């Protein structure tokens, strides 16, 4: 199983890792390419990179600059369908939607009723297109940095302040409706067989949710993947979940190691392989070299 692993806030930006052989095939440093969320969209490879989206095709690279008004922070990026691409702009607490020409066709702000929002208000960070609509994840319903006042790092990480939200207004709830609460630092939303999965990054847990008759979420299962890693990045492939682990923050700087976990959902068995690079994993994808060969990141011309 060959995996493309994306890193943030790290010296390394991308690696291709062979789980079976336990070896890295290539490494791209962040000095050459900076990324956060990653996805494949039709015949394109797409990366969220600081304040923009980068689209790589056989013909070159296209950049889409996010418009602000706060400093944009492009986090997760996913196809909404074959004609629409979505990116979470964490700095502006919005899901922004773009057509194939690179034009923004909608900006979904689930907290717009606040009026003027502070930068990175609730740490809206990811979304998943489900059979019931678009669901997003955030750290809090209040300004998340200010909400930590008076708490220890552990209290805030385990306090259950995170939310899963209705982003597109699918019935019977409107945009911004809370579909699930009491979660911790939700990241890496992914749909699989009509269930929604996500990581709780700071606690090292992986969660599974179902949809009830009113499109609300209910908890189906959860697994403790690691008690010493910051868990983020999820892929279902080869009958397993592949999950990215960085050394747990706990209010401190990340230590210099990272790991990849393989979870068997039915048995709950977790395997771990420590990676020979340091950094903070954000994304785990099935490696598709025909779409994104290594040289495209270094040499793709702007189109």
C-alpha atoms as a PDB file:
ATOM      1  CA  UNK A   1       0.000   0.000   0.000  1.00  0.00           C
ATOM      2  CA  UNK A   2       1.567   3.274  -1.182  1.00  0.00           C
ATOM      3  CA  UNK A   3       0.434   6.427   0.570  1.00  0.00           C
ATOM      4  CA  UNK A   4       0.908  10.124  -0.054  1.00  0.00           C
ATOM      5  CA  UNK A   5       1.326  11.861   3.313  1.00  0.00           C
ATOM      6  CA  UNK A   6       1.084  15.626   3.617  1.00  0.00           C
ATOM      7  CA  UNK A   7       2.679  17.626   6.453  1.00  0.00           C
ATOM      8  CA  UNK A   8       2.157  21.156   7.816  1.00  0.00           C
ATOM      9  CA  UNK A   9       4.372  23.335  10.015  1.00  0.00           C
ATOM     10  CA  UNK A  10       7.233  20.976   9.196  1.00  0.00           C
ATOM     11  CA  UNK A  11      10.484  20.792   7.257  1.00  0.00           C
ATOM     12  CA  UNK A  12       8.887  18.067   5.133  1.00  0.00           C
ATOM     13  CA  UNK A  13       5.845  18.840   2.967  1.00  0.00           C
ATOM     14  CA  UNK A  14       5.064  15.574   1.139  1.00  0.00           C
ATOM     15  CA  UNK A  15       6.287  11.993   1.264  1.00  0.00           C
ATOM     16  CA  UNK A  16       5.269   8.819  -0.507  1.00  0.00           C
ATOM     17  CA  UNK A  17       5.397   5.918   1.926  1.00  0.00           C
ATOM     18  CA  UNK A  18       5.101   2.200   1.181  1.00  0.00           C
ATOM     19  CA  UNK A  19       3.356   0.559   4.149  1.00  0.00           C
ATOM     20  CA  UNK A  20       4.246  -2.970   3.052  1.00  0.00           C
ATOM     21  CA  UNK A  21       7.933  -2.233   2.508  1.00  0.00           C
ATOM     22  CA  UNK A  22       8.106   0.186   5.463  1.00  0.00           C
ATOM     23  CA  UNK A  23      10.051   2.717   3.430  1.00  0.00           C
ATOM     24  CA  UNK A  24       9.820   6.223   2.018  1.00  0.00           C
ATOM     25  CA  UNK A  25       9.984   6.429  -1.774  1.00  0.00           C
ATOM     26  CA  UNK A  26      10.434  10.184  -2.088  1.00  0.00           C
ATOM     27  CA  UNK A  27      10.380  13.341   0.006  1.00  0.00           C
ATOM     28  CA  UNK A  28       9.518  16.909  -0.949  1.00  0.00           C
ATOM     29  CA  UNK A  29      10.705  19.573   1.541  1.00  0.00           C
ATOM     30  CA  UNK A  30       8.503  22.494   2.518  1.00  0.00           C
ATOM     31  CA  UNK A  31      11.169  24.847   1.180  1.00  0.00           C
ATOM     32  CA  UNK A  32      10.067  23.734  -2.310  1.00  0.00           C
ATOM     33  CA  UNK A  33       6.343  23.230  -1.771  1.00  0.00           C
ATOM     34  CA  UNK A  34       3.972  24.164   1.082  1.00  0.00           C
ATOM     35  CA  UNK A  35       0.696  22.334   1.523  1.00  0.00           C
ATOM     36  CA  UNK A  36      -2.081  21.633   4.000  1.00  0.00           C
ATOM     37  CA  UNK A  37      -5.151  19.777   2.668  1.00  0.00           C
ATOM     38  CA  UNK A  38      -4.746  17.636  -0.467  1.00  0.00           C
ATOM     39  CA  UNK A  39      -7.146  15.905  -2.849  1.00  0.00           C
ATOM     40  CA  UNK A  40      -7.621  14.520  -6.353  1.00  0.00           C
ATOM     41  CA  UNK A  41     -10.345  16.185  -8.420  1.00  0.00           C
ATOM     42  CA  UNK A  42     -11.134  14.558 -11.754  1.00  0.00           C
ATOM     43  CA  UNK A  43      -7.731  14.559 -13.511  1.00  0.00           C
ATOM     44  CA  UNK A  44      -6.209  17.217 -11.225  1.00  0.00           C
ATOM     45  CA  UNK A  45      -4.165  17.112  -8.043  1.00  0.00           C
ATOM     46  CA  UNK A  46      -5.170  19.925  -5.687  1.00  0.00           C
ATOM     47  CA  UNK A  47      -3.402  21.376  -2.651  1.00  0.00           C
ATOM     48  CA  UNK A  48      -4.419  23.984  -0.092  1.00  0.00           C
ATOM     49  CA  UNK A  49      -1.365  26.177   0.403  1.00  0.00           C
ATOM     50  CA  UNK A  50      -1.402  29.108   2.851  1.00  0.00           C
ATOM     51  CA  UNK A  51      -3.762  31.697   1.287  1.00  0.00           C
ATOM     52  CA  UNK A  52      -4.438  29.906  -2.000  1.00  0.00           C
ATOM     53  CA  UNK A  53      -5.427  26.731  -3.810  1.00  0.00           C
ATOM     54  CA  UNK A  54      -2.943  25.080  -6.174  1.00  0.00           C
ATOM     55  CA  UNK A  55      -4.333  22.950  -9.026  1.00  0.00           C
ATOM     56  CA  UNK A  56      -1.890  20.693 -10.877  1.00  0.00           C
ATOM     57  CA  UNK A  57      -2.706  19.242 -14.283  1.00  0.00           C
ATOM     58  CA  UNK A  58      -0.734  17.841 -17.189  1.00  0.00           C
ATOM     59  CA  UNK A  59      -0.640  21.375 -18.607  1.00  0.00           C
ATOM     60  CA  UNK A  60       0.807  23.082 -15.543  1.00  0.00           C
ATOM     61  CA  UNK A  61      -0.282  24.773 -12.333  1.00  0.00           C
ATOM     62  CA  UNK A  62      -3.156  27.138 -11.604  1.00  0.00           C
ATOM     63  CA  UNK A  63      -3.322  29.257  -8.455  1.00  0.00           C
ATOM     64  CA  UNK A  64      -6.556  30.515  -6.904  1.00  0.00           C
ATOM     65  CA  UNK A  65      -6.004  33.246  -4.330  1.00  0.00           C
ATOM     66  CA  UNK A  66      -8.506  33.303  -1.463  1.00  0.00           C
ATOM     67  CA  UNK A  67     -10.014  36.765  -1.011  1.00  0.00           C
ATOM     68  CA  UNK A  68      -9.962  37.441   2.761  1.00  0.00           C
ATOM     69  CA  UNK A  69     -10.953  39.798   4.421  1.00  0.00           C
ATOM     70  CA  UNK A  70      -8.803  38.262   7.172  1.00  0.00           C
ATOM     71  CA  UNK A  71      -5.558  36.558   6.229  1.00  0.00           C
ATOM     72  CA  UNK A  72      -6.778  33.389   4.548  1.00  0.00           C
ATOM     73  CA  UNK A  73      -5.736  29.990   5.906  1.00  0.00           C
ATOM     74  CA  UNK A  74      -6.556  27.280   3.368  1.00  0.00           C
ATOM     75  CA  UNK A  75      -7.042  24.052   5.314  1.00  0.00           C
ATOM     76  CA  UNK A  76      -8.900  21.059   3.897  1.00  0.00           C
ATOM     77  CA  UNK A  77      -9.818  20.857   0.223  1.00  0.00           C
ATOM     78  CA  UNK A  78     -12.196  18.317  -1.354  1.00  0.00           C
ATOM     79  CA  UNK A  79     -14.333  17.872  -4.457  1.00  0.00           C
ATOM     80  CA  UNK A  80     -17.993  18.688  -3.863  1.00  0.00           C
ATOM     81  CA  UNK A  81     -18.808  17.104  -7.226  1.00  0.00           C
ATOM     82  CA  UNK A  82     -17.128  16.830 -10.626  1.00  0.00           C
ATOM     83  CA  UNK A  83     -17.730  20.522 -11.335  1.00  0.00           C
ATOM     84  CA  UNK A  84     -17.264  22.141  -7.913  1.00  0.00           C
ATOM     85  CA  UNK A  85     -14.247  22.237  -5.589  1.00  0.00           C
ATOM     86  CA  UNK A  86     -14.502  23.268  -1.948  1.00  0.00           C
ATOM     87  CA  UNK A  87     -11.878  24.614   0.448  1.00  0.00           C
ATOM     88  CA  UNK A  88     -12.156  25.548   4.101  1.00  0.00           C
ATOM     89  CA  UNK A  89     -10.716  29.016   4.692  1.00  0.00           C
ATOM     90  CA  UNK A  90     -10.051  28.727   8.424  1.00  0.00           C
ATOM     91  CA  UNK A  91      -8.899  32.320   8.736  1.00  0.00           C
ATOM     92  CA  UNK A  92     -12.323  33.518   7.556  1.00  0.00           C
ATOM     93  CA  UNK A  93     -14.478  30.679   8.963  1.00  0.00           C
ATOM     94  CA  UNK A  94     -15.941  29.851   5.551  1.00  0.00           C
ATOM     95  CA  UNK A  95     -16.347  27.013   3.096  1.00  0.00           C
ATOM     96  CA  UNK A  96     -15.548  28.508  -0.294  1.00  0.00           C
ATOM     97  CA  UNK A  97     -16.736  26.837  -3.486  1.00  0.00           C
ATOM     98  CA  UNK A  98     -15.088  27.185  -6.911  1.00  0.00           C
ATOM     99  CA  UNK A  99     -16.064  26.080 -10.400  1.00  0.00           C
ATOM    100  CA  UNK A 100     -13.720  24.468 -12.895  1.00  0.00           C
ATOM    101  CA  UNK A 101     -12.721  27.882 -14.229  1.00  0.00           C
ATOM    102  CA  UNK A 102     -11.460  28.868 -10.784  1.00  0.00           C
ATOM    103  CA  UNK A 103     -14.281  31.341 -10.094  1.00  0.00           C
ATOM    104  CA  UNK A 104     -15.754  31.434  -6.590  1.00  0.00           C
ATOM    105  CA  UNK A 105     -19.450  30.557  -6.820  1.00  0.00           C
ATOM    106  CA  UNK A 106     -20.374  30.524  -3.126  1.00  0.00           C
ATOM    107  CA  UNK A 107     -18.958  31.310   0.314  1.00  0.00           C
ATOM    108  CA  UNK A 108     -20.704  29.452   3.117  1.00  0.00           C
ATOM    109  CA  UNK A 109     -20.296  31.121   6.498  1.00  0.00           C
ATOM    110  CA  UNK A 110     -22.134  29.135   9.209  1.00  0.00           C
ATOM    111  CA  UNK A 111     -21.399  31.832  11.800  1.00  0.00           C
ATOM    112  CA  UNK A 112     -22.347  34.884   9.720  1.00  0.00           C
ATOM    113  CA  UNK A 113     -25.083  35.856  12.207  1.00  0.00           C
ATOM    114  CA  UNK A 114     -22.306  37.024  14.535  1.00  0.00           C
ATOM    115  CA  UNK A 115     -21.681  39.935  12.195  1.00  0.00           C
ATOM    116  CA  UNK A 116     -17.992  40.798  11.920  1.00  0.00           C
ATOM    117  CA  UNK A 117     -15.993  37.724  12.893  1.00  0.00           C
ATOM    118  CA  UNK A 118     -12.491  37.694  14.365  1.00  0.00           C
ATOM    119  CA  UNK A 119      -9.788  35.930  12.405  1.00  0.00           C
ATOM    120  CA  UNK A 120      -9.916  32.127  12.787  1.00  0.00           C
ATOM    121  CA  UNK A 121     -13.002  32.508  14.969  1.00  0.00           C
ATOM    122  CA  UNK A 122     -13.929  28.863  15.647  1.00  0.00           C
ATOM    123  CA  UNK A 123     -11.193  26.952  13.792  1.00  0.00           C
ATOM    124  CA  UNK A 124     -13.496  25.664  11.085  1.00  0.00           C
ATOM    125  CA  UNK A 125     -11.106  23.186   9.467  1.00  0.00           C
ATOM    126  CA  UNK A 126     -12.711  20.438   7.374  1.00  0.00           C
ATOM    127  CA  UNK A 127     -15.839  19.231   5.596  1.00  0.00           C
ATOM    128  CA  UNK A 128     -17.224  16.045   4.085  1.00  0.00           C
ATOM    129  CA  UNK A 129     -19.777  15.612   1.321  1.00  0.00           C
ATOM    130  CA  UNK A 130     -22.241  13.058   2.688  1.00  0.00           C
ATOM    131  CA  UNK A 131     -25.355  11.393   1.279  1.00  0.00           C
ATOM    132  CA  UNK A 132     -27.315  13.855   3.452  1.00  0.00           C
ATOM    133  CA  UNK A 133     -25.427  17.040   2.588  1.00  0.00           C
ATOM    134  CA  UNK A 134     -22.197  18.835   3.525  1.00  0.00           C
ATOM    135  CA  UNK A 135     -20.991  18.480   7.128  1.00  0.00           C
ATOM    136  CA  UNK A 136     -18.191  20.597   8.606  1.00  0.00           C
ATOM    137  CA  UNK A 137     -16.039  20.494  11.744  1.00  0.00           C
ATOM    138  CA  UNK A 138     -14.873  23.212  14.126  1.00  0.00           C
ATOM    139  CA  UNK A 139     -13.276  23.471  17.567  1.00  0.00           C
ATOM    140  CA  UNK A 140     -15.896  25.577  19.368  1.00  0.00           C
ATOM    141  CA  UNK A 141     -19.038  27.704  18.966  1.00  0.00           C
ATOM    142  CA  UNK A 142     -17.197  30.580  20.690  1.00  0.00           C
ATOM    143  CA  UNK A 143     -13.934  32.305  19.741  1.00  0.00           C
ATOM    144  CA  UNK A 144     -11.805  29.270  20.352  1.00  0.00           C
ATOM    145  CA  UNK A 145      -8.619  30.929  21.528  1.00  0.00           C
ATOM    146  CA  UNK A 146     -10.379  33.158  24.059  1.00  0.00           C
ATOM    147  CA  UNK A 147     -12.443  30.181  25.274  1.00  0.00           C
ATOM    148  CA  UNK A 148      -9.255  28.511  26.540  1.00  0.00           C
ATOM    149  CA  UNK A 149      -8.752  31.198  29.192  1.00  0.00           C
ATOM    150  CA  UNK A 150      -8.417  29.656  32.649  1.00  0.00           C
ATOM    151  CA  UNK A 151      -8.124  26.096  31.332  1.00  0.00           C
ATOM    152  CA  UNK A 152      -5.178  23.770  31.253  1.00  0.00           C
ATOM    153  CA  UNK A 153      -4.266  22.398  27.830  1.00  0.00           C
ATOM    154  CA  UNK A 154      -5.618  18.984  28.834  1.00  0.00           C
ATOM    155  CA  UNK A 155      -8.920  20.432  30.053  1.00  0.00           C
ATOM    156  CA  UNK A 156      -9.425  22.240  26.783  1.00  0.00           C
ATOM    157  CA  UNK A 157      -8.436  19.232  24.666  1.00  0.00           C
ATOM    158  CA  UNK A 158     -10.841  16.916  26.501  1.00  0.00           C
ATOM    159  CA  UNK A 159     -13.659  19.383  27.238  1.00  0.00           C
ATOM    160  CA  UNK A 160     -15.913  18.397  24.329  1.00  0.00           C
ATOM    161  CA  UNK A 161     -16.218  21.896  22.862  1.00  0.00           C
ATOM    162  CA  UNK A 162     -16.052  20.799  19.211  1.00  0.00           C
ATOM    163  CA  UNK A 163     -18.991  20.678  16.800  1.00  0.00           C
ATOM    164  CA  UNK A 164     -20.084  18.966  13.595  1.00  0.00           C
ATOM    165  CA  UNK A 165     -22.227  21.370  11.555  1.00  0.00           C
ATOM    166  CA  UNK A 166     -24.663  21.448   8.661  1.00  0.00           C
ATOM    167  CA  UNK A 167     -22.807  23.661   6.191  1.00  0.00           C
ATOM    168  CA  UNK A 168     -24.998  23.641   3.081  1.00  0.00           C
ATOM    169  CA  UNK A 169     -28.419  23.876   4.738  1.00  0.00           C
ATOM    170  CA  UNK A 170     -29.604  20.374   3.842  1.00  0.00           C
ATOM    171  CA  UNK A 171     -33.070  19.584   5.242  1.00  0.00           C
ATOM    172  CA  UNK A 172     -34.580  19.526   7.734  1.00  0.00           C
ATOM    173  CA  UNK A 173     -31.935  21.831   9.263  1.00  0.00           C
ATOM    174  CA  UNK A 174     -30.529  25.101   7.971  1.00  0.00           C
ATOM    175  CA  UNK A 175     -26.993  26.313   7.434  1.00  0.00           C
ATOM    176  CA  UNK A 176     -25.026  26.285  10.658  1.00  0.00           C
ATOM    177  CA  UNK A 177     -27.268  23.809  12.481  1.00  0.00           C
ATOM    178  CA  UNK A 178     -25.399  21.689  15.042  1.00  0.00           C
ATOM    179  CA  UNK A 179     -25.609  18.019  14.049  1.00  0.00           C
ATOM    180  CA  UNK A 180     -23.335  16.714  16.820  1.00  0.00           C
ATOM    181  CA  UNK A 181     -21.574  18.287  19.791  1.00  0.00           C
ATOM    182  CA  UNK A 182     -19.322  17.228  22.628  1.00  0.00           C
ATOM    183  CA  UNK A 183     -16.435  16.259  20.353  1.00  0.00           C
ATOM    184  CA  UNK A 184     -12.777  17.121  20.858  1.00  0.00           C
ATOM    185  CA  UNK A 185     -10.758  18.909  18.154  1.00  0.00           C
ATOM    186  CA  UNK A 186     -12.522  17.253  15.184  1.00  0.00           C
ATOM    187  CA  UNK A 187     -10.411  16.921  12.033  1.00  0.00           C
ATOM    188  CA  UNK A 188     -10.193  14.737   8.917  1.00  0.00           C
ATOM    189  CA  UNK A 189     -13.866  14.166   8.108  1.00  0.00           C
ATOM    190  CA  UNK A 190     -14.477  11.323   5.680  1.00  0.00           C
ATOM    191  CA  UNK A 191     -17.547   9.432   4.462  1.00  0.00           C
ATOM    192  CA  UNK A 192     -17.438   5.666   4.132  1.00  0.00           C
ATOM    193  CA  UNK A 193     -20.430   3.386   3.526  1.00  0.00           C
ATOM    194  CA  UNK A 194     -22.956   6.044   4.607  1.00  0.00           C
ATOM    195  CA  UNK A 195     -21.189   6.726   7.878  1.00  0.00           C
ATOM    196  CA  UNK A 196     -19.139   9.753   8.835  1.00  0.00           C
ATOM    197  CA  UNK A 197     -15.707   9.299  10.419  1.00  0.00           C
ATOM    198  CA  UNK A 198     -13.282  11.806  11.914  1.00  0.00           C
ATOM    199  CA  UNK A 199     -10.199  12.121  14.087  1.00  0.00           C
ATOM    200  CA  UNK A 200     -10.155  13.855  17.451  1.00  0.00           C
ATOM    201  CA  UNK A 201      -6.702  15.199  16.914  1.00  0.00           C
ATOM    202  CA  UNK A 202      -5.581  16.136  20.429  1.00  0.00           C
ATOM    203  CA  UNK A 203      -6.954  13.002  22.131  1.00  0.00           C
ATOM    204  CA  UNK A 204      -5.802  10.394  19.603  1.00  0.00           C
ATOM    205  CA  UNK A 205      -9.328   8.999  19.083  1.00  0.00           C
ATOM    206  CA  UNK A 206     -11.079   8.013  15.857  1.00  0.00           C
ATOM    207  CA  UNK A 207     -14.878   8.270  15.676  1.00  0.00           C
ATOM    208  CA  UNK A 208     -17.736   6.851  13.608  1.00  0.00           C
ATOM    209  CA  UNK A 209     -21.169   8.499  13.297  1.00  0.00           C
ATOM    210  CA  UNK A 210     -24.468   7.478  11.700  1.00  0.00           C
ATOM    211  CA  UNK A 211     -27.353   9.636  10.463  1.00  0.00           C
ATOM    212  CA  UNK A 212     -30.791   9.339  12.066  1.00  0.00           C
ATOM    213  CA  UNK A 213     -34.156   9.905  10.356  1.00  0.00           C
ATOM    214  CA  UNK A 214     -33.848  13.675  10.896  1.00  0.00           C
ATOM    215  CA  UNK A 215     -30.307  13.850   9.512  1.00  0.00           C
ATOM    216  CA  UNK A 216     -28.780  14.340  12.960  1.00  0.00           C
ATOM    217  CA  UNK A 217     -25.616  12.476  13.821  1.00  0.00           C
ATOM    218  CA  UNK A 218     -25.433   9.767  16.447  1.00  0.00           C
ATOM    219  CA  UNK A 219     -22.280   8.072  17.710  1.00  0.00           C
ATOM    220  CA  UNK A 220     -21.747   4.532  16.398  1.00  0.00           C
ATOM    221  CA  UNK A 221     -18.241   3.730  17.629  1.00  0.00           C
ATOM    222  CA  UNK A 222     -14.890   5.165  18.626  1.00  0.00           C
ATOM    223  CA  UNK A 223     -11.383   3.783  18.885  1.00  0.00           C
ATOM    224  CA  UNK A 224      -8.377   4.872  20.925  1.00  0.00           C
ATOM    225  CA  UNK A 225      -5.693   4.859  18.251  1.00  0.00           C
ATOM    226  CA  UNK A 226      -2.911   6.493  20.265  1.00  0.00           C
ATOM    227  CA  UNK A 227      -2.495   8.138  23.645  1.00  0.00           C
ATOM    228  CA  UNK A 228       0.769   9.814  22.669  1.00  0.00           C
ATOM    229  CA  UNK A 229       0.093  11.220  19.205  1.00  0.00           C
ATOM    230  CA  UNK A 230      -1.746  14.127  17.652  1.00  0.00           C
ATOM    231  CA  UNK A 231      -4.084  12.259  15.257  1.00  0.00           C
ATOM    232  CA  UNK A 232      -4.935  13.800  11.891  1.00  0.00           C
ATOM    233  CA  UNK A 233      -5.235  12.511   8.334  1.00  0.00           C
ATOM    234  CA  UNK A 234      -7.528   9.581   7.503  1.00  0.00           C
ATOM    235  CA  UNK A 235      -7.863   7.233   4.529  1.00  0.00           C
ATOM    236  CA  UNK A 236      -9.879   4.046   4.088  1.00  0.00           C
ATOM    237  CA  UNK A 237      -8.104   1.641   1.753  1.00  0.00           C
ATOM    238  CA  UNK A 238      -7.300  -2.033   1.526  1.00  0.00           C
ATOM    239  CA  UNK A 239      -9.912  -2.878   4.173  1.00  0.00           C
ATOM    240  CA  UNK A 240      -8.285  -0.663   6.811  1.00  0.00           C
ATOM    241  CA  UNK A 241      -8.105   2.912   8.062  1.00  0.00           C
ATOM    242  CA  UNK A 242      -4.713   4.600   7.646  1.00  0.00           C
ATOM    243  CA  UNK A 243      -4.312   7.440  10.158  1.00  0.00           C
ATOM    244  CA  UNK A 244      -1.556  10.014  10.606  1.00  0.00           C
ATOM    245  CA  UNK A 245       0.097  10.586  13.979  1.00  0.00           C
ATOM    246  CA  UNK A 246       2.384  13.363  15.174  1.00  0.00           C
ATOM    247  CA  UNK A 247       3.766  13.560  18.680  1.00  0.00           C
ATOM    248  CA  UNK A 248       1.014  14.900  20.907  1.00  0.00           C
ATOM    249  CA  UNK A 249       1.166  18.651  21.457  1.00  0.00           C
ATOM    250  CA  UNK A 250      -0.243  18.969  24.996  1.00  0.00           C
ATOM    251  CA  UNK A 251       0.521  22.664  24.792  1.00  0.00           C
ATOM    252  CA  UNK A 252       4.136  22.125  23.846  1.00  0.00           C
ATOM    253  CA  UNK A 253       6.076  22.098  20.601  1.00  0.00           C
ATOM    254  CA  UNK A 254       5.780  18.855  18.659  1.00  0.00           C
ATOM    255  CA  UNK A 255       8.642  16.452  19.269  1.00  0.00           C
ATOM    256  CA  UNK A 256      10.649  15.144  16.361  1.00  0.00           C
ATOM    257  CA  UNK A 257       8.855  12.024  15.276  1.00  0.00           C
ATOM    258  CA  UNK A 258       5.693  10.972  13.461  1.00  0.00           C
ATOM    259  CA  UNK A 259       3.891   7.699  12.847  1.00  0.00           C
ATOM    260  CA  UNK A 260       1.338   6.028  10.629  1.00  0.00           C
ATOM    261  CA  UNK A 261      -1.398   3.844  12.125  1.00  0.00           C
ATOM    262  CA  UNK A 262      -3.494   1.144  10.492  1.00  0.00           C
ATOM    263  CA  UNK A 263      -6.835   0.464  12.167  1.00  0.00           C
ATOM    264  CA  UNK A 264      -8.962  -2.599  11.464  1.00  0.00           C
ATOM    265  CA  UNK A 265     -12.445  -1.312  12.208  1.00  0.00           C
ATOM    266  CA  UNK A 266     -14.177  -4.595  13.007  1.00  0.00           C
ATOM    267  CA  UNK A 267     -11.556  -5.966  15.386  1.00  0.00           C
ATOM    268  CA  UNK A 268     -10.259  -2.640  16.687  1.00  0.00           C
ATOM    269  CA  UNK A 269      -6.686  -3.814  16.113  1.00  0.00           C
ATOM    270  CA  UNK A 270      -4.199  -0.961  15.636  1.00  0.00           C
ATOM    271  CA  UNK A 271      -0.782  -1.328  13.998  1.00  0.00           C
ATOM    272  CA  UNK A 272       1.838   1.411  14.173  1.00  0.00           C
ATOM    273  CA  UNK A 273       4.806   2.216  11.954  1.00  0.00           C
ATOM    274  CA  UNK A 274       7.074   5.046  13.062  1.00  0.00           C
ATOM    275  CA  UNK A 275       8.135   7.225  10.152  1.00  0.00           C
ATOM    276  CA  UNK A 276      11.802   8.163   9.686  1.00  0.00           C
ATOM    277  CA  UNK A 277      10.894  11.853   9.256  1.00  0.00           C
ATOM    278  CA  UNK A 278       9.705  14.436  11.746  1.00  0.00           C
ATOM    279  CA  UNK A 279       6.698  16.651  11.347  1.00  0.00           C
ATOM    280  CA  UNK A 280       3.000  17.267  11.738  1.00  0.00           C
ATOM    281  CA  UNK A 281       0.820  15.109   9.481  1.00  0.00           C
ATOM    282  CA  UNK A 282      -2.296  16.730   8.009  1.00  0.00           C
ATOM    283  CA  UNK A 283      -3.374  14.491   5.130  1.00  0.00           C
ATOM    284  CA  UNK A 284      -3.162  10.824   4.085  1.00  0.00           C
ATOM    285  CA  UNK A 285      -4.113   9.877   0.513  1.00  0.00           C
ATOM    286  CA  UNK A 286      -3.909   6.864  -1.742  1.00  0.00           C
ATOM    287  CA  UNK A 287      -0.893   7.576  -3.952  1.00  0.00           C
ATOM    288  CA  UNK A 288      -1.840   8.161  -7.597  1.00  0.00           C
ATOM    289  CA  UNK A 289       1.402   8.829  -9.430  1.00  0.00           C
ATOM    290  CA  UNK A 290      -0.338   9.203 -12.787  1.00  0.00           C
ATOM    291  CA  UNK A 291      -1.995  12.384 -11.483  1.00  0.00           C
ATOM    292  CA  UNK A 292       0.789  13.850  -9.358  1.00  0.00           C
ATOM    293  CA  UNK A 293       4.330  12.741 -10.239  1.00  0.00           C
ATOM    294  CA  UNK A 294       6.981  14.300  -7.980  1.00  0.00           C
ATOM    295  CA  UNK A 295       8.412  16.569 -10.657  1.00  0.00           C
ATOM    296  CA  UNK A 296       5.077  18.362 -11.152  1.00  0.00           C
ATOM    297  CA  UNK A 297       5.423  20.175  -7.826  1.00  0.00           C
ATOM    298  CA  UNK A 298       8.861  21.531  -8.675  1.00  0.00           C
ATOM    299  CA  UNK A 299       8.515  22.421 -12.324  1.00  0.00           C
ATOM    300  CA  UNK A 300       4.838  23.007 -13.166  1.00  0.00           C
ATOM    301  CA  UNK A 301       4.466  26.333 -15.023  1.00  0.00           C
ATOM    302  CA  UNK A 302       1.671  28.742 -14.144  1.00  0.00           C
ATOM    303  CA  UNK A 303      -1.238  28.611 -16.587  1.00  0.00           C
END
